[in-house]
Amino acid sequence: ALSFGPAFIINGEPVDVTGSGGGLNPRTVIGQREDGAVLLLVIDGRQPHSLGANFQDCIKVMQDYGAINAANLDGGSSTQMMYQGETINVCASLYGPRYLPTVWIVQ
């Protein structure tokens, strides 16, 4: 089971998401294209190199990549992407990456 929200795109239509979800923050988003491909978006935030994104920014990026369905996942210090055992984004936490209870594993 997985908890997420809000939905950003449903059946090809962007959702009118009220508010900004706390403004500019690190974000993790999952989406799906019409051909079934799964899209994973990780945006750093609270850093000099990246302030983060709001909900509308995330919707735009997912649309740009052809998502017909997309939803917000947990962000903030939970925004982390790893590849071959290495963290490839910059964690927003002052204490570095933390253990996360939910992951998406792609092989």
PDB file of N, CA and C in Angstrom:
ATOM      1  N   ALA A   1       0.845  -1.169   0.000  1.00  0.00           N
ATOM      2  CA  ALA A   1       0.000   0.000   0.000  1.00  0.00           C
ATOM      3  C   ALA A   1       0.889   1.230   0.000  1.00  0.00           C
ATOM      4  N   LEU A   2       0.385   2.262  -0.591  1.00  0.00           N
ATOM      5  CA  LEU A   2       1.149   3.502  -0.685  1.00  0.00           C
ATOM      6  C   LEU A   2       0.194   4.677  -0.544  1.00  0.00           C
ATOM      7  N   SER A   3       0.626   5.648   0.213  1.00  0.00           N
ATOM      8  CA  SER A   3      -0.158   6.866   0.387  1.00  0.00           C
ATOM      9  C   SER A   3       0.458   7.960  -0.469  1.00  0.00           C
ATOM     10  N   PHE A   4      -0.386   8.721  -1.153  1.00  0.00           N
ATOM     11  CA  PHE A   4       0.130   9.811  -1.978  1.00  0.00           C
ATOM     12  C   PHE A   4      -0.945  10.874  -2.116  1.00  0.00           C
ATOM     13  N   GLY A   5      -0.540  12.013  -2.664  1.00  0.00           N
ATOM     14  CA  GLY A   5      -1.499  13.058  -2.952  1.00  0.00           C
ATOM     15  C   GLY A   5      -0.853  14.418  -2.838  1.00  0.00           C
ATOM     16  N   PRO A   6      -1.428  15.338  -3.486  1.00  0.00           N
ATOM     17  CA  PRO A   6      -2.615  15.203  -4.316  1.00  0.00           C
ATOM     18  C   PRO A   6      -2.276  14.625  -5.695  1.00  0.00           C
ATOM     19  N   ALA A   7      -3.335  14.194  -6.390  1.00  0.00           N
ATOM     20  CA  ALA A   7      -3.176  13.803  -7.792  1.00  0.00           C
ATOM     21  C   ALA A   7      -2.893  15.067  -8.588  1.00  0.00           C
ATOM     22  N   PHE A   8      -2.003  14.961  -9.579  1.00  0.00           N
ATOM     23  CA  PHE A   8      -1.653  16.101 -10.424  1.00  0.00           C
ATOM     24  C   PHE A   8      -2.292  16.015 -11.804  1.00  0.00           C
ATOM     25  N   ILE A   9      -2.329  14.819 -12.382  1.00  0.00           N
ATOM     26  CA  ILE A   9      -2.894  14.610 -13.712  1.00  0.00           C
ATOM     27  C   ILE A   9      -3.717  13.328 -13.663  1.00  0.00           C
ATOM     28  N   ILE A  10      -4.945  13.386 -14.148  1.00  0.00           N
ATOM     29  CA  ILE A  10      -5.810  12.204 -14.190  1.00  0.00           C
ATOM     30  C   ILE A  10      -6.364  12.069 -15.598  1.00  0.00           C
ATOM     31  N   ASN A  11      -6.121  10.921 -16.208  1.00  0.00           N
ATOM     32  CA  ASN A  11      -6.589  10.640 -17.573  1.00  0.00           C
ATOM     33  C   ASN A  11      -6.250  11.759 -18.550  1.00  0.00           C
ATOM     34  N   GLY A  12      -5.018  12.261 -18.441  1.00  0.00           N
ATOM     35  CA  GLY A  12      -4.530  13.277 -19.366  1.00  0.00           C
ATOM     36  C   GLY A  12      -4.893  14.710 -19.026  1.00  0.00           C
ATOM     37  N   GLU A  13      -5.715  14.910 -18.020  1.00  0.00           N
ATOM     38  CA  GLU A  13      -6.153  16.262 -17.645  1.00  0.00           C
ATOM     39  C   GLU A  13      -5.475  16.719 -16.354  1.00  0.00           C
ATOM     40  N   PRO A  14      -4.811  17.872 -16.383  1.00  0.00           N
ATOM     41  CA  PRO A  14      -4.221  18.373 -15.140  1.00  0.00           C
ATOM     42  C   PRO A  14      -5.311  18.692 -14.121  1.00  0.00           C
ATOM     43  N   VAL A  15      -5.032  18.369 -12.889  1.00  0.00           N
ATOM     44  CA  VAL A  15      -5.966  18.622 -11.799  1.00  0.00           C
ATOM     45  C   VAL A  15      -5.768  20.052 -11.304  1.00  0.00           C
ATOM     46  N   ASP A  16      -6.854  20.720 -10.996  1.00  0.00           N
ATOM     47  CA  ASP A  16      -6.782  22.066 -10.439  1.00  0.00           C
ATOM     48  C   ASP A  16      -6.446  21.929  -8.955  1.00  0.00           C
ATOM     49  N   VAL A  17      -5.154  21.919  -8.664  1.00  0.00           N
ATOM     50  CA  VAL A  17      -4.684  21.743  -7.299  1.00  0.00           C
ATOM     51  C   VAL A  17      -4.688  23.100  -6.614  1.00  0.00           C
ATOM     52  N   THR A  18      -5.417  23.207  -5.523  1.00  0.00           N
ATOM     53  CA  THR A  18      -5.449  24.473  -4.796  1.00  0.00           C
ATOM     54  C   THR A  18      -4.246  24.561  -3.875  1.00  0.00           C
ATOM     55  N   GLY A  19      -3.722  25.733  -3.749  1.00  0.00           N
ATOM     56  CA  GLY A  19      -2.561  25.939  -2.897  1.00  0.00           C
ATOM     57  C   GLY A  19      -1.295  25.519  -3.608  1.00  0.00           C
ATOM     58  N   SER A  20      -0.187  25.727  -2.945  1.00  0.00           N
ATOM     59  CA  SER A  20       1.108  25.410  -3.536  1.00  0.00           C
ATOM     60  C   SER A  20       1.757  24.216  -2.869  1.00  0.00           C
ATOM     61  N   GLY A  21       1.105  23.655  -1.853  1.00  0.00           N
ATOM     62  CA  GLY A  21       1.712  22.540  -1.139  1.00  0.00           C
ATOM     63  C   GLY A  21       2.916  22.978  -0.330  1.00  0.00           C
ATOM     64  N   GLY A  22       2.827  24.157   0.224  1.00  0.00           N
ATOM     65  CA  GLY A  22       3.944  24.651   1.020  1.00  0.00           C
ATOM     66  C   GLY A  22       4.971  25.418   0.220  1.00  0.00           C
ATOM     67  N   GLY A  23       4.628  25.787  -1.000  1.00  0.00           N
ATOM     68  CA  GLY A  23       5.549  26.590  -1.806  1.00  0.00           C
ATOM     69  C   GLY A  23       6.637  25.764  -2.452  1.00  0.00           C
ATOM     70  N   LEU A  24       7.809  26.351  -2.553  1.00  0.00           N
ATOM     71  CA  LEU A  24       8.943  25.679  -3.184  1.00  0.00           C
ATOM     72  C   LEU A  24       9.583  24.713  -2.197  1.00  0.00           C
ATOM     73  N   ASN A  25       9.602  23.434  -2.575  1.00  0.00           N
ATOM     74  CA  ASN A  25      10.151  22.398  -1.713  1.00  0.00           C
ATOM     75  C   ASN A  25      10.726  21.270  -2.551  1.00  0.00           C
ATOM     76  N   PRO A  26      11.551  20.407  -1.938  1.00  0.00           N
ATOM     77  CA  PRO A  26      11.948  19.195  -2.631  1.00  0.00           C
ATOM     78  C   PRO A  26      10.688  18.389  -2.948  1.00  0.00           C
ATOM     79  N   ARG A  27      10.672  17.737  -4.098  1.00  0.00           N
ATOM     80  CA  ARG A  27       9.466  17.010  -4.520  1.00  0.00           C
ATOM     81  C   ARG A  27       9.827  15.638  -5.081  1.00  0.00           C
ATOM     82  N   THR A  28       8.919  14.706  -4.896  1.00  0.00           N
ATOM     83  CA  THR A  28       8.991  13.394  -5.520  1.00  0.00           C
ATOM     84  C   THR A  28       7.635  13.145  -6.161  1.00  0.00           C
ATOM     85  N   VAL A  29       7.640  12.821  -7.452  1.00  0.00           N
ATOM     86  CA  VAL A  29       6.399  12.660  -8.216  1.00  0.00           C
ATOM     87  C   VAL A  29       6.493  11.365  -9.020  1.00  0.00           C
ATOM     88  N   ILE A  30       5.380  10.661  -9.128  1.00  0.00           N
ATOM     89  CA  ILE A  30       5.308   9.481  -9.980  1.00  0.00           C
ATOM     90  C   ILE A  30       4.243   9.718 -11.040  1.00  0.00           C
ATOM     91  N   GLY A  31       4.508   9.249 -12.242  1.00  0.00           N
ATOM     92  CA  GLY A  31       3.555   9.419 -13.330  1.00  0.00           C
ATOM     93  C   GLY A  31       3.600   8.233 -14.273  1.00  0.00           C
ATOM     94  N   GLN A  32       2.667   8.237 -15.207  1.00  0.00           N
ATOM     95  CA  GLN A  32       2.616   7.187 -16.209  1.00  0.00           C
ATOM     96  C   GLN A  32       2.240   7.789 -17.549  1.00  0.00           C
ATOM     97  N   ARG A  33       2.970   7.376 -18.600  1.00  0.00           N
ATOM     98  CA  ARG A  33       2.641   7.796 -19.957  1.00  0.00           C
ATOM     99  C   ARG A  33       1.609   6.842 -20.546  1.00  0.00           C
ATOM    100  N   GLU A  34       1.050   7.232 -21.670  1.00  0.00           N
ATOM    101  CA  GLU A  34       0.040   6.425 -22.339  1.00  0.00           C
ATOM    102  C   GLU A  34       0.580   5.051 -22.745  1.00  0.00           C
ATOM    103  N   ASP A  35       1.874   4.972 -23.068  1.00  0.00           N
ATOM    104  CA  ASP A  35       2.459   3.688 -23.467  1.00  0.00           C
ATOM    105  C   ASP A  35       2.774   2.788 -22.268  1.00  0.00           C
ATOM    106  N   GLY A  36       2.435   3.247 -21.062  1.00  0.00           N
ATOM    107  CA  GLY A  36       2.633   2.451 -19.854  1.00  0.00           C
ATOM    108  C   GLY A  36       3.926   2.740 -19.123  1.00  0.00           C
ATOM    109  N   ALA A  37       4.829   3.496 -19.732  1.00  0.00           N
ATOM    110  CA  ALA A  37       6.097   3.821 -19.081  1.00  0.00           C
ATOM    111  C   ALA A  37       5.843   4.597 -17.790  1.00  0.00           C
ATOM    112  N   VAL A  38       6.588   4.253 -16.756  1.00  0.00           N
ATOM    113  CA  VAL A  38       6.474   4.927 -15.467  1.00  0.00           C
ATOM    114  C   VAL A  38       7.528   6.028 -15.407  1.00  0.00           C
ATOM    115  N   LEU A  39       7.116   7.206 -14.965  1.00  0.00           N
ATOM    116  CA  LEU A  39       8.003   8.357 -14.821  1.00  0.00           C
ATOM    117  C   LEU A  39       8.224   8.638 -13.344  1.00  0.00           C
ATOM    118  N   LEU A  40       9.454   8.827 -12.959  1.00  0.00           N
ATOM    119  CA  LEU A  40       9.790   9.211 -11.589  1.00  0.00           C
ATOM    120  C   LEU A  40      10.521  10.543 -11.642  1.00  0.00           C
ATOM    121  N   LEU A  41      10.049  11.500 -10.890  1.00  0.00           N
ATOM    122  CA  LEU A  41      10.621  12.843 -10.870  1.00  0.00           C
ATOM    123  C   LEU A  41      11.087  13.161  -9.457  1.00  0.00           C
ATOM    124  N   VAL A  42      12.338  13.544  -9.328  1.00  0.00           N
ATOM    125  CA  VAL A  42      12.888  13.969  -8.045  1.00  0.00           C
ATOM    126  C   VAL A  42      13.475  15.360  -8.247  1.00  0.00           C
ATOM    127  N   ILE A  43      13.032  16.306  -7.444  1.00  0.00           N
ATOM    128  CA  ILE A  43      13.501  17.693  -7.537  1.00  0.00           C
ATOM    129  C   ILE A  43      14.119  18.077  -6.201  1.00  0.00           C
ATOM    130  N   ASP A  44      15.399  18.477  -6.239  1.00  0.00           N
ATOM    131  CA  ASP A  44      16.047  18.979  -5.028  1.00  0.00           C
ATOM    132  C   ASP A  44      15.389  20.284  -4.596  1.00  0.00           C
ATOM    133  N   GLY A  45      15.587  20.663  -3.370  1.00  0.00           N
ATOM    134  CA  GLY A  45      15.053  21.927  -2.870  1.00  0.00           C
ATOM    135  C   GLY A  45      15.733  22.330  -1.579  1.00  0.00           C
ATOM    136  N   ARG A  46      15.434  23.571  -1.151  1.00  0.00           N
ATOM    137  CA  ARG A  46      16.019  24.149   0.062  1.00  0.00           C
ATOM    138  C   ARG A  46      17.546  24.180  -0.023  1.00  0.00           C
ATOM    139  N   GLN A  47      18.057  24.428  -1.241  1.00  0.00           N
ATOM    140  CA  GLN A  47      19.498  24.416  -1.481  1.00  0.00           C
ATOM    141  C   GLN A  47      19.858  25.614  -2.360  1.00  0.00           C
ATOM    142  N   PRO A  48      21.085  26.065  -2.311  1.00  0.00           N
ATOM    143  CA  PRO A  48      21.489  27.157  -3.202  1.00  0.00           C
ATOM    144  C   PRO A  48      21.343  26.812  -4.690  1.00  0.00           C
ATOM    145  N   HIS A  49      21.545  25.542  -5.053  1.00  0.00           N
ATOM    146  CA  HIS A  49      21.463  25.147  -6.461  1.00  0.00           C
ATOM    147  C   HIS A  49      20.039  24.851  -6.903  1.00  0.00           C
ATOM    148  N   SER A  50      19.105  24.688  -5.974  1.00  0.00           N
ATOM    149  CA  SER A  50      17.708  24.396  -6.315  1.00  0.00           C
ATOM    150  C   SER A  50      16.809  24.795  -5.162  1.00  0.00           C
ATOM    151  N   LEU A  51      15.923  25.744  -5.425  1.00  0.00           N
ATOM    152  CA  LEU A  51      14.985  26.165  -4.387  1.00  0.00           C
ATOM    153  C   LEU A  51      13.865  25.153  -4.198  1.00  0.00           C
ATOM    154  N   GLY A  52      13.649  24.315  -5.218  1.00  0.00           N
ATOM    155  CA  GLY A  52      12.568  23.338  -5.165  1.00  0.00           C
ATOM    156  C   GLY A  52      11.508  23.670  -6.195  1.00  0.00           C
ATOM    157  N   ALA A  53      10.335  23.089  -6.005  1.00  0.00           N
ATOM    158  CA  ALA A  53       9.239  23.275  -6.957  1.00  0.00           C
ATOM    159  C   ALA A  53       7.922  23.340  -6.204  1.00  0.00           C
ATOM    160  N   ASN A  54       6.940  24.017  -6.812  1.00  0.00           N
ATOM    161  CA  ASN A  54       5.595  23.974  -6.261  1.00  0.00           C
ATOM    162  C   ASN A  54       4.787  22.952  -7.061  1.00  0.00           C
ATOM    163  N   PHE A  55       3.535  22.765  -6.713  1.00  0.00           N
ATOM    164  CA  PHE A  55       2.708  21.759  -7.380  1.00  0.00           C
ATOM    165  C   PHE A  55       2.571  22.041  -8.878  1.00  0.00           C
ATOM    166  N   GLN A  56       2.398  23.299  -9.254  1.00  0.00           N
ATOM    167  CA  GLN A  56       2.223  23.632 -10.670  1.00  0.00           C
ATOM    168  C   GLN A  56       3.488  23.321 -11.470  1.00  0.00           C
ATOM    169  N   ASP A  57       4.650  23.536 -10.862  1.00  0.00           N
ATOM    170  CA  ASP A  57       5.910  23.194 -11.525  1.00  0.00           C
ATOM    171  C   ASP A  57       5.949  21.694 -11.828  1.00  0.00           C
ATOM    172  N   CYS A  58       5.551  20.891 -10.867  1.00  0.00           N
ATOM    173  CA  CYS A  58       5.574  19.433 -11.023  1.00  0.00           C
ATOM    174  C   CYS A  58       4.609  18.983 -12.118  1.00  0.00           C
ATOM    175  N   ILE A  59       3.433  19.568 -12.150  1.00  0.00           N
ATOM    176  CA  ILE A  59       2.455  19.234 -13.190  1.00  0.00           C
ATOM    177  C   ILE A  59       3.034  19.548 -14.562  1.00  0.00           C
ATOM    178  N   LYS A  60       3.654  20.704 -14.698  1.00  0.00           N
ATOM    179  CA  LYS A  60       4.236  21.112 -15.992  1.00  0.00           C
ATOM    180  C   LYS A  60       5.310  20.131 -16.455  1.00  0.00           C
ATOM    181  N   VAL A  61       6.209  19.741 -15.557  1.00  0.00           N
ATOM    182  CA  VAL A  61       7.275  18.806 -15.930  1.00  0.00           C
ATOM    183  C   VAL A  61       6.669  17.465 -16.355  1.00  0.00           C
ATOM    184  N   MET A  62       5.694  16.974 -15.604  1.00  0.00           N
ATOM    185  CA  MET A  62       5.092  15.687 -15.957  1.00  0.00           C
ATOM    186  C   MET A  62       4.364  15.774 -17.307  1.00  0.00           C
ATOM    187  N   GLN A  63       3.699  16.878 -17.571  1.00  0.00           N
ATOM    188  CA  GLN A  63       3.066  17.059 -18.883  1.00  0.00           C
ATOM    189  C   GLN A  63       4.116  17.097 -19.988  1.00  0.00           C
ATOM    190  N   ASP A  64       5.226  17.799 -19.740  1.00  0.00           N
ATOM    191  CA  ASP A  64       6.296  17.889 -20.730  1.00  0.00           C
ATOM    192  C   ASP A  64       6.836  16.513 -21.111  1.00  0.00           C
ATOM    193  N   TYR A  65       6.782  15.574 -20.171  1.00  0.00           N
ATOM    194  CA  TYR A  65       7.269  14.215 -20.429  1.00  0.00           C
ATOM    195  C   TYR A  65       6.150  13.248 -20.804  1.00  0.00           C
ATOM    196  N   GLY A  66       4.955  13.783 -21.062  1.00  0.00           N
ATOM    197  CA  GLY A  66       3.877  12.964 -21.598  1.00  0.00           C
ATOM    198  C   GLY A  66       3.060  12.182 -20.589  1.00  0.00           C
ATOM    199  N   ALA A  67       3.090  12.568 -19.327  1.00  0.00           N
ATOM    200  CA  ALA A  67       2.304  11.843 -18.322  1.00  0.00           C
ATOM    201  C   ALA A  67       0.808  12.019 -18.565  1.00  0.00           C
ATOM    202  N   ILE A  68       0.072  10.919 -18.500  1.00  0.00           N
ATOM    203  CA  ILE A  68      -1.391  10.997 -18.556  1.00  0.00           C
ATOM    204  C   ILE A  68      -1.984  10.825 -17.160  1.00  0.00           C
ATOM    205  N   ASN A  69      -1.171  10.304 -16.236  1.00  0.00           N
ATOM    206  CA  ASN A  69      -1.536  10.217 -14.827  1.00  0.00           C
ATOM    207  C   ASN A  69      -0.294  10.567 -14.023  1.00  0.00           C
ATOM    208  N   ALA A  70      -0.463  11.342 -12.965  1.00  0.00           N
ATOM    209  CA  ALA A  70       0.673  11.712 -12.123  1.00  0.00           C
ATOM    210  C   ALA A  70       0.162  12.104 -10.740  1.00  0.00           C
ATOM    211  N   ALA A  71       1.003  11.863  -9.745  1.00  0.00           N
ATOM    212  CA  ALA A  71       0.629  12.202  -8.375  1.00  0.00           C
ATOM    213  C   ALA A  71       1.868  12.590  -7.570  1.00  0.00           C
ATOM    214  N   ASN A  72       1.658  13.417  -6.587  1.00  0.00           N
ATOM    215  CA  ASN A  72       2.686  13.844  -5.658  1.00  0.00           C
ATOM    216  C   ASN A  72       2.933  12.730  -4.645  1.00  0.00           C
ATOM    217  N   LEU A  73       4.206  12.443  -4.388  1.00  0.00           N
ATOM    218  CA  LEU A  73       4.575  11.534  -3.311  1.00  0.00           C
ATOM    219  C   LEU A  73       5.162  12.373  -2.185  1.00  0.00           C
ATOM    220  N   ASP A  74       5.632  11.728  -1.150  1.00  0.00           N
ATOM    221  CA  ASP A  74       6.237  12.461  -0.043  1.00  0.00           C
ATOM    222  C   ASP A  74       7.453  13.207  -0.554  1.00  0.00           C
ATOM    223  N   GLY A  75       7.647  14.420  -0.112  1.00  0.00           N
ATOM    224  CA  GLY A  75       8.777  15.234  -0.544  1.00  0.00           C
ATOM    225  C   GLY A  75       9.644  15.610   0.630  1.00  0.00           C
ATOM    226  N   GLY A  76      10.122  16.825   0.628  1.00  0.00           N
ATOM    227  CA  GLY A  76      10.970  17.294   1.718  1.00  0.00           C
ATOM    228  C   GLY A  76      12.217  16.440   1.868  1.00  0.00           C
ATOM    229  N   SER A  77      12.554  16.101   3.109  1.00  0.00           N
ATOM    230  CA  SER A  77      13.738  15.276   3.368  1.00  0.00           C
ATOM    231  C   SER A  77      13.557  13.840   2.894  1.00  0.00           C
ATOM    232  N   SER A  78      12.341  13.470   2.492  1.00  0.00           N
ATOM    233  CA  SER A  78      12.091  12.134   1.952  1.00  0.00           C
ATOM    234  C   SER A  78      12.378  12.059   0.462  1.00  0.00           C
ATOM    235  N   THR A  79      12.712  13.176  -0.161  1.00  0.00           N
ATOM    236  CA  THR A  79      13.027  13.180  -1.584  1.00  0.00           C
ATOM    237  C   THR A  79      14.453  12.695  -1.765  1.00  0.00           C
ATOM    238  N   GLN A  80      14.566  11.472  -2.256  1.00  0.00           N
ATOM    239  CA  GLN A  80      15.884  10.882  -2.450  1.00  0.00           C
ATOM    240  C   GLN A  80      15.844   9.939  -3.641  1.00  0.00           C
ATOM    241  N   MET A  81      16.846  10.050  -4.517  1.00  0.00           N
ATOM    242  CA  MET A  81      16.956   9.128  -5.641  1.00  0.00           C
ATOM    243  C   MET A  81      18.342   8.484  -5.596  1.00  0.00           C
ATOM    244  N   MET A  82      18.333   7.155  -5.708  1.00  0.00           N
ATOM    245  CA  MET A  82      19.582   6.399  -5.696  1.00  0.00           C
ATOM    246  C   MET A  82      19.735   5.643  -7.008  1.00  0.00           C
ATOM    247  N   TYR A  83      20.985   5.473  -7.414  1.00  0.00           N
ATOM    248  CA  TYR A  83      21.295   4.683  -8.604  1.00  0.00           C
ATOM    249  C   TYR A  83      22.552   3.874  -8.303  1.00  0.00           C
ATOM    250  N   GLN A  84      22.444   2.570  -8.440  1.00  0.00           N
ATOM    251  CA  GLN A  84      23.544   1.645  -8.160  1.00  0.00           C
ATOM    252  C   GLN A  84      24.159   1.897  -6.785  1.00  0.00           C
ATOM    253  N   GLY A  85      23.298   2.085  -5.777  1.00  0.00           N
ATOM    254  CA  GLY A  85      23.739   2.238  -4.407  1.00  0.00           C
ATOM    255  C   GLY A  85      24.216   3.621  -4.007  1.00  0.00           C
ATOM    256  N   GLU A  86      24.205   4.556  -4.938  1.00  0.00           N
ATOM    257  CA  GLU A  86      24.656   5.921  -4.650  1.00  0.00           C
ATOM    258  C   GLU A  86      23.492   6.902  -4.729  1.00  0.00           C
ATOM    259  N   THR A  87      23.413   7.801  -3.764  1.00  0.00           N
ATOM    260  CA  THR A  87      22.415   8.865  -3.808  1.00  0.00           C
ATOM    261  C   THR A  87      22.826   9.857  -4.889  1.00  0.00           C
ATOM    262  N   ILE A  88      21.915  10.141  -5.835  1.00  0.00           N
ATOM    263  CA  ILE A  88      22.282  11.019  -6.950  1.00  0.00           C
ATOM    264  C   ILE A  88      21.653  12.402  -6.867  1.00  0.00           C
ATOM    265  N   ASN A  89      20.830  12.635  -5.874  1.00  0.00           N
ATOM    266  CA  ASN A  89      20.345  13.999  -5.669  1.00  0.00           C
ATOM    267  C   ASN A  89      20.929  14.519  -4.361  1.00  0.00           C
ATOM    268  N   VAL A  90      20.647  15.752  -4.026  1.00  0.00           N
ATOM    269  CA  VAL A  90      21.166  16.351  -2.801  1.00  0.00           C
ATOM    270  C   VAL A  90      20.030  16.419  -1.789  1.00  0.00           C
ATOM    271  N   CYS A  91      20.199  15.699  -0.703  1.00  0.00           N
ATOM    272  CA  CYS A  91      19.166  15.641   0.342  1.00  0.00           C
ATOM    273  C   CYS A  91      18.976  17.006   0.993  1.00  0.00           C
ATOM    274  N   ALA A  92      17.733  17.345   1.280  1.00  0.00           N
ATOM    275  CA  ALA A  92      17.418  18.642   1.882  1.00  0.00           C
ATOM    276  C   ALA A  92      17.707  18.678   3.380  1.00  0.00           C
ATOM    277  N   SER A  93      17.922  17.527   3.995  1.00  0.00           N
ATOM    278  CA  SER A  93      18.151  17.478   5.433  1.00  0.00           C
ATOM    279  C   SER A  93      19.567  17.947   5.779  1.00  0.00           C
ATOM    280  N   LEU A  94      19.684  18.701   6.832  1.00  0.00           N
ATOM    281  CA  LEU A  94      21.001  19.124   7.315  1.00  0.00           C
ATOM    282  C   LEU A  94      21.818  17.936   7.798  1.00  0.00           C
ATOM    283  N   TYR A  95      21.136  16.825   8.115  1.00  0.00           N
ATOM    284  CA  TYR A  95      21.792  15.641   8.667  1.00  0.00           C
ATOM    285  C   TYR A  95      22.091  14.588   7.610  1.00  0.00           C
ATOM    286  N   GLY A  96      21.820  14.901   6.346  1.00  0.00           N
ATOM    287  CA  GLY A  96      22.080  13.963   5.257  1.00  0.00           C
ATOM    288  C   GLY A  96      20.925  13.015   5.024  1.00  0.00           C
ATOM    289  N   PRO A  97      21.103  12.082   4.089  1.00  0.00           N
ATOM    290  CA  PRO A  97      20.030  11.136   3.763  1.00  0.00           C
ATOM    291  C   PRO A  97      19.588  10.362   4.994  1.00  0.00           C
ATOM    292  N   ARG A  98      18.329   9.996   5.023  1.00  0.00           N
ATOM    293  CA  ARG A  98      17.797   9.249   6.159  1.00  0.00           C
ATOM    294  C   ARG A  98      17.166   7.960   5.656  1.00  0.00           C
ATOM    295  N   TYR A  99      16.917   7.054   6.573  1.00  0.00           N
ATOM    296  CA  TYR A  99      16.249   5.815   6.202  1.00  0.00           C
ATOM    297  C   TYR A  99      14.801   6.129   5.859  1.00  0.00           C
ATOM    298  N   LEU A 100      14.320   5.578   4.751  1.00  0.00           N
ATOM    299  CA  LEU A 100      12.962   5.846   4.290  1.00  0.00           C
ATOM    300  C   LEU A 100      12.157   4.555   4.296  1.00  0.00           C
ATOM    301  N   PRO A 101      10.912   4.608   4.768  1.00  0.00           N
ATOM    302  CA  PRO A 101      10.110   3.391   4.867  1.00  0.00           C
ATOM    303  C   PRO A 101       9.475   2.948   3.549  1.00  0.00           C
ATOM    304  N   THR A 102       9.444   3.799   2.542  1.00  0.00           N
ATOM    305  CA  THR A 102       8.802   3.471   1.275  1.00  0.00           C
ATOM    306  C   THR A 102       9.782   3.729   0.146  1.00  0.00           C
ATOM    307  N   VAL A 103       9.895   2.773  -0.775  1.00  0.00           N
ATOM    308  CA  VAL A 103      10.787   2.951  -1.920  1.00  0.00           C
ATOM    309  C   VAL A 103      10.116   2.402  -3.178  1.00  0.00           C
ATOM    310  N   TRP A 104      10.567   2.903  -4.310  1.00  0.00           N
ATOM    311  CA  TRP A 104      10.240   2.343  -5.616  1.00  0.00           C
ATOM    312  C   TRP A 104      11.538   1.767  -6.138  1.00  0.00           C
ATOM    313  N   ILE A 105      11.542   0.487  -6.436  1.00  0.00           N
ATOM    314  CA  ILE A 105      12.745  -0.163  -6.952  1.00  0.00           C
ATOM    315  C   ILE A 105      12.512  -0.490  -8.415  1.00  0.00           C
ATOM    316  N   VAL A 106      13.435  -0.024  -9.266  1.00  0.00           N
ATOM    317  CA  VAL A 106      13.351  -0.286 -10.699  1.00  0.00           C
ATOM    318  C   VAL A 106      14.550  -1.129 -11.085  1.00  0.00           C
ATOM    319  N   GLN A 107      14.287  -2.269 -11.714  1.00  0.00           N
ATOM    320  CA  GLN A 107      15.389  -3.140 -12.155  1.00  0.00           C
ATOM    321  C   GLN A 107      15.281  -3.368 -13.631  1.00  0.00           C
TER     322      GLN A 107
END
